[in-house]
Amino acid sequence: MLKAMAKDAGFLKHKRITNHSVRKFLVQKLRNANIPPTETMAITGHNNVQSITNYSNISVDQQQK
């Protein structure tokens, strides 16, 4: 299903898109938008803050702040 959605969205074939990569991308975008971890957990279905911390990287802007 995800492969079909990626194809319909026009993603390049050489890009490997998985459930994990989409979930990680979402967590990073929510974190960059300063969405609180509890709201991120509700959206992504994670059970604890540590699990979303493992998915996310802090952006350069956030590191500078």
PDB file of N, CA and C in Angstrom:
ATOM      1  N   MET A   1       0.820  -1.184   0.000  1.00  0.00           N
ATOM      2  CA  MET A   1       0.000   0.000   0.000  1.00  0.00           C
ATOM      3  C   MET A   1       0.875   1.262   0.000  1.00  0.00           C
ATOM      4  N   LEU A   2       1.916   1.276   0.818  1.00  0.00           N
ATOM      5  CA  LEU A   2       2.795   2.442   0.893  1.00  0.00           C
ATOM      6  C   LEU A   2       3.525   2.664  -0.429  1.00  0.00           C
ATOM      7  N   LYS A   3       3.931   1.589  -1.087  1.00  0.00           N
ATOM      8  CA  LYS A   3       4.603   1.719  -2.376  1.00  0.00           C
ATOM      9  C   LYS A   3       3.674   2.353  -3.407  1.00  0.00           C
ATOM     10  N   ALA A   4       2.424   1.956  -3.401  1.00  0.00           N
ATOM     11  CA  ALA A   4       1.453   2.519  -4.336  1.00  0.00           C
ATOM     12  C   ALA A   4       1.215   4.000  -4.043  1.00  0.00           C
ATOM     13  N   MET A   5       1.146   4.358  -2.763  1.00  0.00           N
ATOM     14  CA  MET A   5       0.944   5.750  -2.387  1.00  0.00           C
ATOM     15  C   MET A   5       2.146   6.594  -2.799  1.00  0.00           C
ATOM     16  N   ALA A   6       3.353   6.070  -2.615  1.00  0.00           N
ATOM     17  CA  ALA A   6       4.566   6.793  -2.996  1.00  0.00           C
ATOM     18  C   ALA A   6       4.603   6.987  -4.514  1.00  0.00           C
ATOM     19  N   LYS A   7       4.208   5.971  -5.242  1.00  0.00           N
ATOM     20  CA  LYS A   7       4.184   6.068  -6.699  1.00  0.00           C
ATOM     21  C   LYS A   7       3.172   7.117  -7.142  1.00  0.00           C
ATOM     22  N   ASP A   8       1.985   7.105  -6.536  1.00  0.00           N
ATOM     23  CA  ASP A   8       0.947   8.075  -6.880  1.00  0.00           C
ATOM     24  C   ASP A   8       1.367   9.502  -6.531  1.00  0.00           C
ATOM     25  N   ALA A   9       2.178   9.636  -5.481  1.00  0.00           N
ATOM     26  CA  ALA A   9       2.649  10.959  -5.066  1.00  0.00           C
ATOM     27  C   ALA A   9       3.798  11.452  -5.925  1.00  0.00           C
ATOM     28  N   GLY A  10       4.334  10.578  -6.779  1.00  0.00           N
ATOM     29  CA  GLY A  10       5.395  10.981  -7.682  1.00  0.00           C
ATOM     30  C   GLY A  10       6.799  10.875  -7.104  1.00  0.00           C
ATOM     31  N   PHE A  11       6.964  10.102  -6.027  1.00  0.00           N
ATOM     32  CA  PHE A  11       8.302   9.921  -5.468  1.00  0.00           C
ATOM     33  C   PHE A  11       9.161   9.119  -6.431  1.00  0.00           C
ATOM     34  N   LEU A  12      10.425   9.414  -6.437  1.00  0.00           N
ATOM     35  CA  LEU A  12      11.352   8.717  -7.312  1.00  0.00           C
ATOM     36  C   LEU A  12      11.444   7.246  -6.926  1.00  0.00           C
ATOM     37  N   LYS A  13      11.611   6.409  -7.913  1.00  0.00           N
ATOM     38  CA  LYS A  13      11.667   4.968  -7.670  1.00  0.00           C
ATOM     39  C   LYS A  13      12.880   4.568  -6.851  1.00  0.00           C
ATOM     40  N   HIS A  14      13.994   5.301  -6.993  1.00  0.00           N
ATOM     41  CA  HIS A  14      15.197   4.914  -6.265  1.00  0.00           C
ATOM     42  C   HIS A  14      15.134   5.300  -4.779  1.00  0.00           C
ATOM     43  N   LYS A  15      14.120   6.079  -4.382  1.00  0.00           N
ATOM     44  CA  LYS A  15      13.961   6.425  -2.966  1.00  0.00           C
ATOM     45  C   LYS A  15      13.272   5.264  -2.264  1.00  0.00           C
ATOM     46  N   ARG A  16      13.867   4.808  -1.192  1.00  0.00           N
ATOM     47  CA  ARG A  16      13.271   3.718  -0.424  1.00  0.00           C
ATOM     48  C   ARG A  16      12.371   4.330   0.641  1.00  0.00           C
ATOM     49  N   ILE A  17      11.087   4.149   0.503  1.00  0.00           N
ATOM     50  CA  ILE A  17      10.127   4.703   1.441  1.00  0.00           C
ATOM     51  C   ILE A  17       9.483   3.544   2.185  1.00  0.00           C
ATOM     52  N   THR A  18       9.618   3.597   3.500  1.00  0.00           N
ATOM     53  CA  THR A  18       9.060   2.552   4.356  1.00  0.00           C
ATOM     54  C   THR A  18       8.168   3.204   5.405  1.00  0.00           C
ATOM     55  N   ASN A  19       7.404   2.386   6.112  1.00  0.00           N
ATOM     56  CA  ASN A  19       6.601   2.903   7.217  1.00  0.00           C
ATOM     57  C   ASN A  19       7.504   3.601   8.227  1.00  0.00           C
ATOM     58  N   HIS A  20       8.647   3.006   8.498  1.00  0.00           N
ATOM     59  CA  HIS A  20       9.585   3.578   9.454  1.00  0.00           C
ATOM     60  C   HIS A  20      10.084   4.950   8.991  1.00  0.00           C
ATOM     61  N   SER A  21      10.461   5.063   7.723  1.00  0.00           N
ATOM     62  CA  SER A  21      10.994   6.341   7.238  1.00  0.00           C
ATOM     63  C   SER A  21       9.923   7.430   7.252  1.00  0.00           C
ATOM     64  N   VAL A  22       8.694   7.075   6.951  1.00  0.00           N
ATOM     65  CA  VAL A  22       7.599   8.045   6.981  1.00  0.00           C
ATOM     66  C   VAL A  22       7.334   8.488   8.418  1.00  0.00           C
ATOM     67  N   ARG A  23       7.340   7.541   9.334  1.00  0.00           N
ATOM     68  CA  ARG A  23       7.101   7.863  10.745  1.00  0.00           C
ATOM     69  C   ARG A  23       8.220   8.760  11.286  1.00  0.00           C
ATOM     70  N   LYS A  24       9.451   8.461  10.943  1.00  0.00           N
ATOM     71  CA  LYS A  24      10.585   9.270  11.379  1.00  0.00           C
ATOM     72  C   LYS A  24      10.472  10.682  10.811  1.00  0.00           C
ATOM     73  N   PHE A  25      10.146  10.796   9.541  1.00  0.00           N
ATOM     74  CA  PHE A  25       9.985  12.090   8.892  1.00  0.00           C
ATOM     75  C   PHE A  25       8.907  12.908   9.604  1.00  0.00           C
ATOM     76  N   LEU A  26       7.785  12.267   9.935  1.00  0.00           N
ATOM     77  CA  LEU A  26       6.694  12.956  10.622  1.00  0.00           C
ATOM     78  C   LEU A  26       7.132  13.448  11.995  1.00  0.00           C
ATOM     79  N   VAL A  27       7.808  12.604  12.761  1.00  0.00           N
ATOM     80  CA  VAL A  27       8.284  12.999  14.090  1.00  0.00           C
ATOM     81  C   VAL A  27       9.225  14.188  13.972  1.00  0.00           C
ATOM     82  N   GLN A  28      10.118  14.170  13.001  1.00  0.00           N
ATOM     83  CA  GLN A  28      11.049  15.283  12.819  1.00  0.00           C
ATOM     84  C   GLN A  28      10.323  16.573  12.458  1.00  0.00           C
ATOM     85  N   LYS A  29       9.347  16.498  11.575  1.00  0.00           N
ATOM     86  CA  LYS A  29       8.587  17.681  11.184  1.00  0.00           C
ATOM     87  C   LYS A  29       7.800  18.245  12.360  1.00  0.00           C
ATOM     88  N   LEU A  30       7.193  17.374  13.157  1.00  0.00           N
ATOM     89  CA  LEU A  30       6.441  17.834  14.326  1.00  0.00           C
ATOM     90  C   LEU A  30       7.367  18.479  15.346  1.00  0.00           C
ATOM     91  N   ARG A  31       8.519  17.891  15.528  1.00  0.00           N
ATOM     92  CA  ARG A  31       9.485  18.457  16.475  1.00  0.00           C
ATOM     93  C   ARG A  31       9.983  19.816  15.989  1.00  0.00           C
ATOM     94  N   ASN A  32      10.270  19.935  14.703  1.00  0.00           N
ATOM     95  CA  ASN A  32      10.718  21.207  14.141  1.00  0.00           C
ATOM     96  C   ASN A  32       9.643  22.283  14.239  1.00  0.00           C
ATOM     97  N   ALA A  33       8.382  21.866  14.275  1.00  0.00           N
ATOM     98  CA  ALA A  33       7.262  22.804  14.416  1.00  0.00           C
ATOM     99  C   ALA A  33       6.954  23.088  15.883  1.00  0.00           C
ATOM    100  N   ASN A  34       7.818  22.597  16.782  1.00  0.00           N
ATOM    101  CA  ASN A  34       7.661  22.796  18.231  1.00  0.00           C
ATOM    102  C   ASN A  34       6.361  22.225  18.789  1.00  0.00           C
ATOM    103  N   ILE A  35       5.922  21.124  18.211  1.00  0.00           N
ATOM    104  CA  ILE A  35       4.760  20.414  18.739  1.00  0.00           C
ATOM    105  C   ILE A  35       5.222  19.660  19.982  1.00  0.00           C
ATOM    106  N   PRO A  36       4.491  19.778  21.091  1.00  0.00           N
ATOM    107  CA  PRO A  36       4.916  19.090  22.315  1.00  0.00           C
ATOM    108  C   PRO A  36       4.996  17.570  22.121  1.00  0.00           C
ATOM    109  N   PRO A  37       5.934  16.944  22.821  1.00  0.00           N
ATOM    110  CA  PRO A  37       6.101  15.491  22.677  1.00  0.00           C
ATOM    111  C   PRO A  37       4.825  14.700  22.940  1.00  0.00           C
ATOM    112  N   THR A  38       4.009  15.148  23.876  1.00  0.00           N
ATOM    113  CA  THR A  38       2.775  14.413  24.167  1.00  0.00           C
ATOM    114  C   THR A  38       1.806  14.440  22.993  1.00  0.00           C
ATOM    115  N   GLU A  39       1.756  15.562  22.276  1.00  0.00           N
ATOM    116  CA  GLU A  39       0.900  15.634  21.089  1.00  0.00           C
ATOM    117  C   GLU A  39       1.471  14.794  19.954  1.00  0.00           C
ATOM    118  N   THR A  40       2.788  14.818  19.810  1.00  0.00           N
ATOM    119  CA  THR A  40       3.445  13.990  18.798  1.00  0.00           C
ATOM    120  C   THR A  40       3.146  12.523  19.057  1.00  0.00           C
ATOM    121  N   MET A  41       3.230  12.118  20.322  1.00  0.00           N
ATOM    122  CA  MET A  41       2.943  10.730  20.683  1.00  0.00           C
ATOM    123  C   MET A  41       1.504  10.352  20.324  1.00  0.00           C
ATOM    124  N   ALA A  42       0.568  11.275  20.552  1.00  0.00           N
ATOM    125  CA  ALA A  42      -0.831  10.999  20.223  1.00  0.00           C
ATOM    126  C   ALA A  42      -1.026  10.826  18.716  1.00  0.00           C
ATOM    127  N   ILE A  43      -0.296  11.608  17.932  1.00  0.00           N
ATOM    128  CA  ILE A  43      -0.418  11.541  16.469  1.00  0.00           C
ATOM    129  C   ILE A  43       0.239  10.281  15.918  1.00  0.00           C
ATOM    130  N   THR A  44       1.422   9.943  16.434  1.00  0.00           N
ATOM    131  CA  THR A  44       2.191   8.834  15.864  1.00  0.00           C
ATOM    132  C   THR A  44       1.889   7.482  16.492  1.00  0.00           C
ATOM    133  N   GLY A  45       1.259   7.497  17.656  1.00  0.00           N
ATOM    134  CA  GLY A  45       0.937   6.242  18.324  1.00  0.00           C
ATOM    135  C   GLY A  45       2.040   5.701  19.209  1.00  0.00           C
ATOM    136  N   HIS A  46       3.069   6.497  19.475  1.00  0.00           N
ATOM    137  CA  HIS A  46       4.133   6.059  20.371  1.00  0.00           C
ATOM    138  C   HIS A  46       3.622   6.027  21.813  1.00  0.00           C
ATOM    139  N   ASN A  47       4.237   5.168  22.627  1.00  0.00           N
ATOM    140  CA  ASN A  47       3.795   4.997  24.005  1.00  0.00           C
ATOM    141  C   ASN A  47       4.598   5.783  25.023  1.00  0.00           C
ATOM    142  N   ASN A  48       5.805   6.197  24.654  1.00  0.00           N
ATOM    143  CA  ASN A  48       6.598   6.985  25.598  1.00  0.00           C
ATOM    144  C   ASN A  48       7.485   7.971  24.853  1.00  0.00           C
ATOM    145  N   VAL A  49       7.940   8.984  25.595  1.00  0.00           N
ATOM    146  CA  VAL A  49       8.734  10.058  24.999  1.00  0.00           C
ATOM    147  C   VAL A  49      10.053   9.528  24.443  1.00  0.00           C
ATOM    148  N   GLN A  50      10.662   8.567  25.123  1.00  0.00           N
ATOM    149  CA  GLN A  50      11.944   8.030  24.659  1.00  0.00           C
ATOM    150  C   GLN A  50      11.837   7.450  23.255  1.00  0.00           C
ATOM    151  N   SER A  51      10.724   6.844  22.948  1.00  0.00           N
ATOM    152  CA  SER A  51      10.590   6.239  21.624  1.00  0.00           C
ATOM    153  C   SER A  51      10.541   7.288  20.516  1.00  0.00           C
ATOM    154  N   ILE A  52       9.947   8.449  20.764  1.00  0.00           N
ATOM    155  CA  ILE A  52       9.969   9.483  19.722  1.00  0.00           C
ATOM    156  C   ILE A  52      11.319  10.187  19.687  1.00  0.00           C
ATOM    157  N   THR A  53      12.010  10.224  20.812  1.00  0.00           N
ATOM    158  CA  THR A  53      13.349  10.808  20.841  1.00  0.00           C
ATOM    159  C   THR A  53      14.285   9.991  19.959  1.00  0.00           C
ATOM    160  N   ASN A  54      14.109   8.684  19.950  1.00  0.00           N
ATOM    161  CA  ASN A  54      14.935   7.814  19.109  1.00  0.00           C
ATOM    162  C   ASN A  54      14.713   8.080  17.620  1.00  0.00           C
ATOM    163  N   TYR A  55      13.526   8.527  17.251  1.00  0.00           N
ATOM    164  CA  TYR A  55      13.205   8.790  15.856  1.00  0.00           C
ATOM    165  C   TYR A  55      13.689  10.142  15.376  1.00  0.00           C
ATOM    166  N   SER A  56      13.825  11.074  16.278  1.00  0.00           N
ATOM    167  CA  SER A  56      13.999  12.451  15.840  1.00  0.00           C
ATOM    168  C   SER A  56      15.422  12.954  16.008  1.00  0.00           C
ATOM    169  N   ASN A  57      15.785  13.834  15.122  1.00  0.00           N
ATOM    170  CA  ASN A  57      17.053  14.544  15.191  1.00  0.00           C
ATOM    171  C   ASN A  57      16.736  16.013  15.421  1.00  0.00           C
ATOM    172  N   ILE A  58      17.505  16.665  16.239  1.00  0.00           N
ATOM    173  CA  ILE A  58      17.291  18.076  16.499  1.00  0.00           C
ATOM    174  C   ILE A  58      17.882  18.875  15.344  1.00  0.00           C
ATOM    175  N   SER A  59      17.096  19.803  14.833  1.00  0.00           N
ATOM    176  CA  SER A  59      17.562  20.615  13.709  1.00  0.00           C
ATOM    177  C   SER A  59      18.640  21.581  14.162  1.00  0.00           C
ATOM    178  N   VAL A  60      19.366  22.135  13.220  1.00  0.00           N
ATOM    179  CA  VAL A  60      20.413  23.099  13.519  1.00  0.00           C
ATOM    180  C   VAL A  60      19.827  24.312  14.221  1.00  0.00           C
ATOM    181  N   ASP A  61      18.668  24.790  13.754  1.00  0.00           N
ATOM    182  CA  ASP A  61      18.015  25.931  14.382  1.00  0.00           C
ATOM    183  C   ASP A  61      17.696  25.662  15.856  1.00  0.00           C
ATOM    184  N   GLN A  62      17.191  24.468  16.135  1.00  0.00           N
ATOM    185  CA  GLN A  62      16.852  24.130  17.518  1.00  0.00           C
ATOM    186  C   GLN A  62      18.111  24.015  18.358  1.00  0.00           C
ATOM    187  N   GLN A  63      19.197  23.501  17.790  1.00  0.00           N
ATOM    188  CA  GLN A  63      20.453  23.398  18.533  1.00  0.00           C
ATOM    189  C   GLN A  63      20.973  24.780  18.874  1.00  0.00           C
ATOM    190  N   GLN A  64      20.829  25.727  17.969  1.00  0.00           N
ATOM    191  CA  GLN A  64      21.325  27.072  18.209  1.00  0.00           C
ATOM    192  C   GLN A  64      20.512  27.800  19.279  1.00  0.00           C
ATOM    193  N   LYS A  65      19.221  27.496  19.374  1.00  0.00           N
ATOM    194  CA  LYS A  65      18.370  28.109  20.395  1.00  0.00           C
ATOM    195  C   LYS A  65      18.762  27.573  21.761  1.00  0.00           C
TER     196      LYS A  65
END
